[in-house]
C-alpha cells in the first residue's frame, strides 16, 4: 500500500501544480493589454521614440545600415511590424539608416580642366556639368559645386565652373515670350551679329516657333553670327 500512497501523492501534486499553472496563465492572459504598434518607418529616431512611447511601448536600435535612399537617422525596418496588435510595454526593435555613402570631394579650384577630369576619374566621380565663365584664369577651374572637402553622394556628379578668355560675352535671353522682331531688335541693340531665317511649315498652323543656334539662358561669346530660325504655319 505504501507504493499506492506515494503514487497518489505524486498524482495530487502534479494535478495541483498543473491546475495552478493553468489558472495563473489564464489570469495573466486575461489581464494582458494589447496596443496597436505605430508605423515608424521613415521617421527620425526621435519622432519614432515619441510615437511608440505614447502607445506604452519602448524603442531599441538593433543596428545601423548604409542606405542611399533613406536619410540619416531615419527608421528603415521595425519589429513588430506596423499596425499590428502587440503587448503593452513591449520593445520595438528598429534598424536605422546611416544615410548615403559620401565620397570626399577633392579641391579642384586652380587646376586645369584636364587635371580636374583626371582626378575625378580616379575617384569615380562624374562631372555633371561644365559651365564656362569669362575669367582671367582661362582653362582653370574657378569654382565647384559641391565645394572641395565636402562629401558627394556616391553616383552623383560635380559641377565645374571653368574660366574662358575674357571678351564680349552675352546671355541669350529666354525668348519664349518674345516675337521674332523683339529678339532681332535686342540682338541689334547689343551689336550681336545675327541673321533671321523664316521657314514656312507645311502644317496648317498659325503658331510661330523661334529657335536659335545658341540655346536660351546660355552665355556665349560674341565672335560669330547667331542664327535665328522662325518657324511659322502655312
Protein backbone atom coordinates (compact mmCIF):
# COMPACT_ATOMS: atom_id res chain seq x y z
CA UNK A 1 0.00 0.00 0.00
CA UNK A 2 2.94 2.32 0.54
CA UNK A 3 3.60 2.49 -3.19
CA UNK A 4 -0.05 3.37 -3.82
CA UNK A 5 0.10 6.24 -1.34
CA UNK A 6 3.29 7.52 -2.92
CA UNK A 7 1.70 7.36 -6.38
CA UNK A 8 -1.40 9.15 -5.06
CA UNK A 9 0.70 11.92 -3.51
CA UNK A 10 2.61 12.41 -6.77
CA UNK A 11 -0.62 12.48 -8.77
CA UNK A 12 -2.16 15.06 -6.44
CA UNK A 13 1.00 17.20 -6.63
CA UNK A 14 1.05 17.08 -10.44
CA UNK A 15 -2.65 17.93 -10.61
CA UNK A 16 -2.36 20.85 -8.20
CA UNK A 17 0.73 22.19 -9.99
CA UNK A 18 -0.84 21.89 -13.44
CA UNK A 19 -4.10 23.44 -12.29
CA UNK A 20 -2.31 26.34 -10.60
CA UNK A 21 -0.18 26.97 -13.69
CA UNK A 22 -3.28 26.94 -15.87
CA UNK A 23 -5.08 29.43 -13.64
CA UNK A 24 -2.05 31.70 -13.46
CA UNK A 25 -1.53 31.80 -17.24
CA UNK A 26 -5.24 32.23 -17.86
CA UNK A 27 -5.46 35.15 -15.45
CA UNK A 28 -2.37 36.82 -16.91
CA UNK A 29 -3.65 36.46 -20.44
CA UNK A 30 -6.98 37.96 -19.50
CA UNK A 31 -5.25 40.89 -17.82
CA UNK A 32 -2.78 41.48 -20.69
CA UNK A 33 -3.36 44.76 -22.51
CA UNK A 34 -2.59 44.99 -26.21
CA UNK A 35 -1.96 48.12 -28.27
CA UNK A 36 -1.53 48.82 -31.97
CA UNK A 37 2.11 49.25 -32.91
CA UNK A 38 2.51 52.57 -34.78
CA UNK A 39 4.13 52.85 -38.21
CA UNK A 40 7.51 54.48 -37.56
CA UNK A 41 9.26 53.60 -40.82
CA UNK A 42 10.73 56.71 -42.42
CA UNK A 43 10.56 58.61 -39.13
CA UNK A 44 13.56 60.01 -37.30
CA UNK A 45 14.69 58.14 -34.21
CA UNK A 46 13.43 60.98 -32.01
CA UNK A 47 9.98 61.07 -33.62
CA UNK A 48 9.74 57.26 -33.60
CA UNK A 49 10.61 57.10 -29.90
CA UNK A 50 7.90 59.63 -29.08
CA UNK A 51 5.29 57.71 -31.10
CA UNK A 52 5.97 54.31 -29.51
CA UNK A 53 6.17 55.74 -26.00
CA UNK A 54 2.77 57.36 -26.50
CA UNK A 55 1.47 53.82 -27.12
CA UNK A 56 3.09 52.46 -23.97
CA UNK A 57 5.96 50.80 -25.87
CA UNK A 58 9.71 51.34 -25.85
CA UNK A 59 12.25 51.69 -28.64
CA UNK A 60 15.61 49.97 -29.09
CA UNK A 61 18.03 50.33 -32.03
CA UNK A 62 19.11 46.92 -33.32
CA UNK A 63 21.73 48.20 -35.75
CA UNK A 64 22.60 50.86 -38.32
CA UNK A 65 22.83 50.30 -42.07
CA UNK A 66 24.07 52.30 -45.04
CA UNK A 67 21.15 53.38 -47.25
CA UNK A 68 21.39 55.70 -50.25
CA UNK A 69 17.61 56.01 -50.44
CA UNK A 70 16.91 56.80 -46.76
CA UNK A 71 18.22 59.92 -44.96
CA UNK A 72 20.49 59.70 -41.94
CA UNK A 73 18.88 58.82 -38.57
CA UNK A 74 15.62 57.59 -40.13
CA UNK A 75 13.99 54.22 -39.40
CA UNK A 76 14.20 51.63 -42.19
CA UNK A 77 12.82 48.47 -40.52
CA UNK A 78 10.74 47.84 -37.38
CA UNK A 79 9.79 44.76 -35.38
CA UNK A 80 6.98 44.21 -34.56
CA UNK A 81 5.65 45.48 -37.84
CA UNK A 82 3.38 48.49 -38.14
CA UNK A 83 -0.34 48.43 -37.41
CA UNK A 84 -0.44 45.05 -35.65
CA UNK A 85 -1.61 44.29 -32.11
CA UNK A 86 1.21 43.85 -29.60
CA UNK A 87 1.62 43.60 -25.84
CA UNK A 88 1.71 46.80 -23.82
CA UNK A 89 5.26 47.52 -22.68
CA UNK A 90 6.90 45.58 -25.49
CA UNK A 91 10.14 46.87 -27.02
CA UNK A 92 10.05 47.83 -30.70
CA UNK A 93 13.34 46.88 -32.37
CA UNK A 94 14.42 49.10 -35.29
CA UNK A 95 17.13 49.40 -37.91
CA UNK A 96 18.34 52.96 -38.55
CA UNK A 97 19.83 54.43 -41.73
CA UNK A 98 23.34 55.87 -41.67
CA UNK A 99 22.43 57.82 -44.80
CA UNK A 100 24.02 57.60 -48.25
CA UNK A 101 27.68 56.86 -48.77
CA UNK A 102 29.62 60.08 -49.22
CA UNK A 103 32.82 60.39 -51.23
CA UNK A 104 35.18 63.20 -50.12
CA UNK A 105 35.42 65.71 -52.95
CA UNK A 106 38.92 66.96 -53.82
CA UNK A 107 39.72 70.67 -54.08
CA UNK A 108 39.83 71.42 -57.79
CA UNK A 109 39.98 75.22 -57.87
CA UNK A 110 43.06 76.45 -59.68
CA UNK A 111 43.65 73.21 -61.57
CA UNK A 112 43.30 72.84 -65.30
CA UNK A 113 40.16 71.20 -66.61
CA UNK A 114 42.20 68.22 -67.82
CA UNK A 115 43.77 67.72 -64.38
CA UNK A 116 40.37 68.02 -62.69
CA UNK A 117 38.89 65.43 -65.04
CA UNK A 118 41.73 63.01 -64.29
CA UNK A 119 41.42 63.42 -60.52
CA UNK A 120 37.67 62.90 -60.59
CA UNK A 121 38.00 59.86 -62.84
CA UNK A 122 40.38 58.21 -60.35
CA UNK A 123 37.77 58.71 -57.61
CA UNK A 124 34.90 57.50 -59.83
CA UNK A 125 33.19 60.89 -59.58
CA UNK A 126 31.45 62.11 -62.71
CA UNK A 127 31.34 65.67 -63.96
CA UNK A 128 27.67 66.54 -64.02
CA UNK A 129 28.12 69.80 -65.90
CA UNK A 130 30.91 72.11 -67.04
CA UNK A 131 30.00 75.79 -67.08
CA UNK A 132 32.41 78.16 -68.82
CA UNK A 133 32.61 81.63 -67.37
CA UNK A 134 34.68 84.65 -68.53
CA UNK A 135 37.63 84.83 -66.15
CA UNK A 136 41.32 85.82 -66.15
CA UNK A 137 42.26 82.19 -65.35
CA UNK A 138 41.26 80.77 -68.69
CA UNK A 139 41.20 76.97 -68.78
CA UNK A 140 41.30 76.70 -64.98
CA UNK A 141 38.61 75.54 -62.57
CA UNK A 142 37.47 78.67 -60.73
CA UNK A 143 34.67 77.12 -58.66
CA UNK A 144 32.94 73.83 -57.99
CA UNK A 145 29.67 72.52 -56.56
CA UNK A 146 29.87 70.86 -54.05
CA UNK A 147 32.93 72.61 -52.66
CA UNK A 148 36.23 70.85 -52.19
CA UNK A 149 36.40 68.96 -48.91
CA UNK A 150 32.65 68.31 -48.82
CA UNK A 151 31.12 64.92 -49.46
CA UNK A 152 29.31 63.99 -52.63
CA UNK A 153 26.75 61.19 -52.70
CA UNK A 154 28.01 58.09 -54.47
CA UNK A 155 26.64 58.12 -58.01
CA UNK A 156 26.17 61.89 -58.07
CA UNK A 157 28.35 64.31 -60.01
CA UNK A 158 30.07 67.63 -59.53
CA UNK A 159 29.54 70.91 -61.37
CA UNK A 160 32.70 72.69 -62.51
CA UNK A 161 33.00 76.36 -63.41
CA UNK A 162 35.87 76.83 -65.84
CA UNK A 163 37.35 80.15 -66.90
CA UNK A 164 37.44 81.19 -70.54
CA UNK A 165 39.12 84.12 -72.23
CA UNK A 166 37.53 87.41 -71.42
CA UNK A 167 35.77 89.23 -74.19
CA UNK A 168 32.29 90.31 -75.11
CA UNK A 169 30.01 87.70 -73.59
CA UNK A 170 26.24 87.78 -73.56
CA UNK A 171 23.43 85.81 -72.02
CA UNK A 172 20.96 84.52 -74.57
CA UNK A 173 17.54 85.75 -73.39
CA UNK A 174 14.59 83.47 -72.75
CA UNK A 175 12.77 84.31 -75.96
CA UNK A 176 9.74 82.07 -75.44
CA UNK A 177 7.54 85.10 -74.82
CA UNK A 178 9.25 87.31 -77.43
CA UNK A 179 8.35 87.96 -81.02
CA UNK A 180 10.98 87.44 -83.74
CA UNK A 181 11.14 91.19 -84.20
CA UNK A 182 11.74 91.84 -80.49
CA UNK A 183 14.53 89.27 -80.40
CA UNK A 184 16.19 90.69 -83.51
CA UNK A 185 15.97 94.22 -82.10
CA UNK A 186 17.61 93.11 -78.85
CA UNK A 187 20.43 91.47 -80.81
CA UNK A 188 20.91 94.64 -82.83
CA UNK A 189 20.95 96.86 -79.74
CA UNK A 190 23.80 94.76 -78.31
CA UNK A 191 25.73 94.69 -81.60
CA UNK A 192 25.42 90.92 -81.84
CA UNK A 193 25.77 89.55 -85.36
CA UNK A 194 22.72 87.63 -86.35
CA UNK A 195 20.58 86.53 -89.23
CA UNK A 196 16.90 85.67 -89.29
CA UNK A 197 15.64 82.80 -91.42
CA UNK A 198 11.91 82.41 -91.87
CA UNK A 199 10.73 78.86 -92.54
CA UNK A 200 7.20 78.10 -93.65
CA UNK A 201 5.91 74.78 -92.33
CA UNK A 202 3.53 72.65 -94.35
CA UNK A 203 1.15 72.06 -91.44
CA UNK A 204 -1.85 74.34 -91.29
CA UNK A 205 -0.93 76.14 -88.05
CA UNK A 206 -0.79 79.77 -87.01
CA UNK A 207 1.73 79.11 -84.25
CA UNK A 208 5.16 80.70 -84.60
CA UNK A 209 8.20 78.97 -83.11
CA UNK A 210 11.64 80.53 -82.60
CA UNK A 211 14.87 78.56 -82.38
CA UNK A 212 18.40 79.91 -82.17
CA UNK A 213 21.87 78.48 -82.72
CA UNK A 214 22.60 79.32 -79.07
CA UNK A 215 20.09 77.92 -76.53
CA UNK A 216 18.23 80.37 -74.28
CA UNK A 217 19.85 81.33 -70.93
CA UNK A 218 23.30 80.30 -72.16
CA UNK A 219 26.37 82.55 -72.05
CA UNK A 220 28.05 82.94 -75.42
CA UNK A 221 30.92 84.92 -76.86
CA UNK A 222 30.13 87.49 -79.50
CA UNK A 223 32.60 86.16 -82.06
CA UNK A 224 30.22 84.64 -84.57
CA UNK A 225 26.85 85.04 -86.17
CA UNK A 226 23.74 83.90 -84.30
CA UNK A 227 21.14 82.18 -86.44
CA UNK A 228 17.51 82.89 -85.57
CA UNK A 229 15.11 80.47 -87.23
CA UNK A 230 11.43 81.39 -87.25
CA UNK A 231 9.03 78.55 -88.00
CA UNK A 232 5.52 79.62 -88.92
CA UNK A 233 2.49 77.73 -90.16
CA UNK A 234 1.20 77.90 -93.65
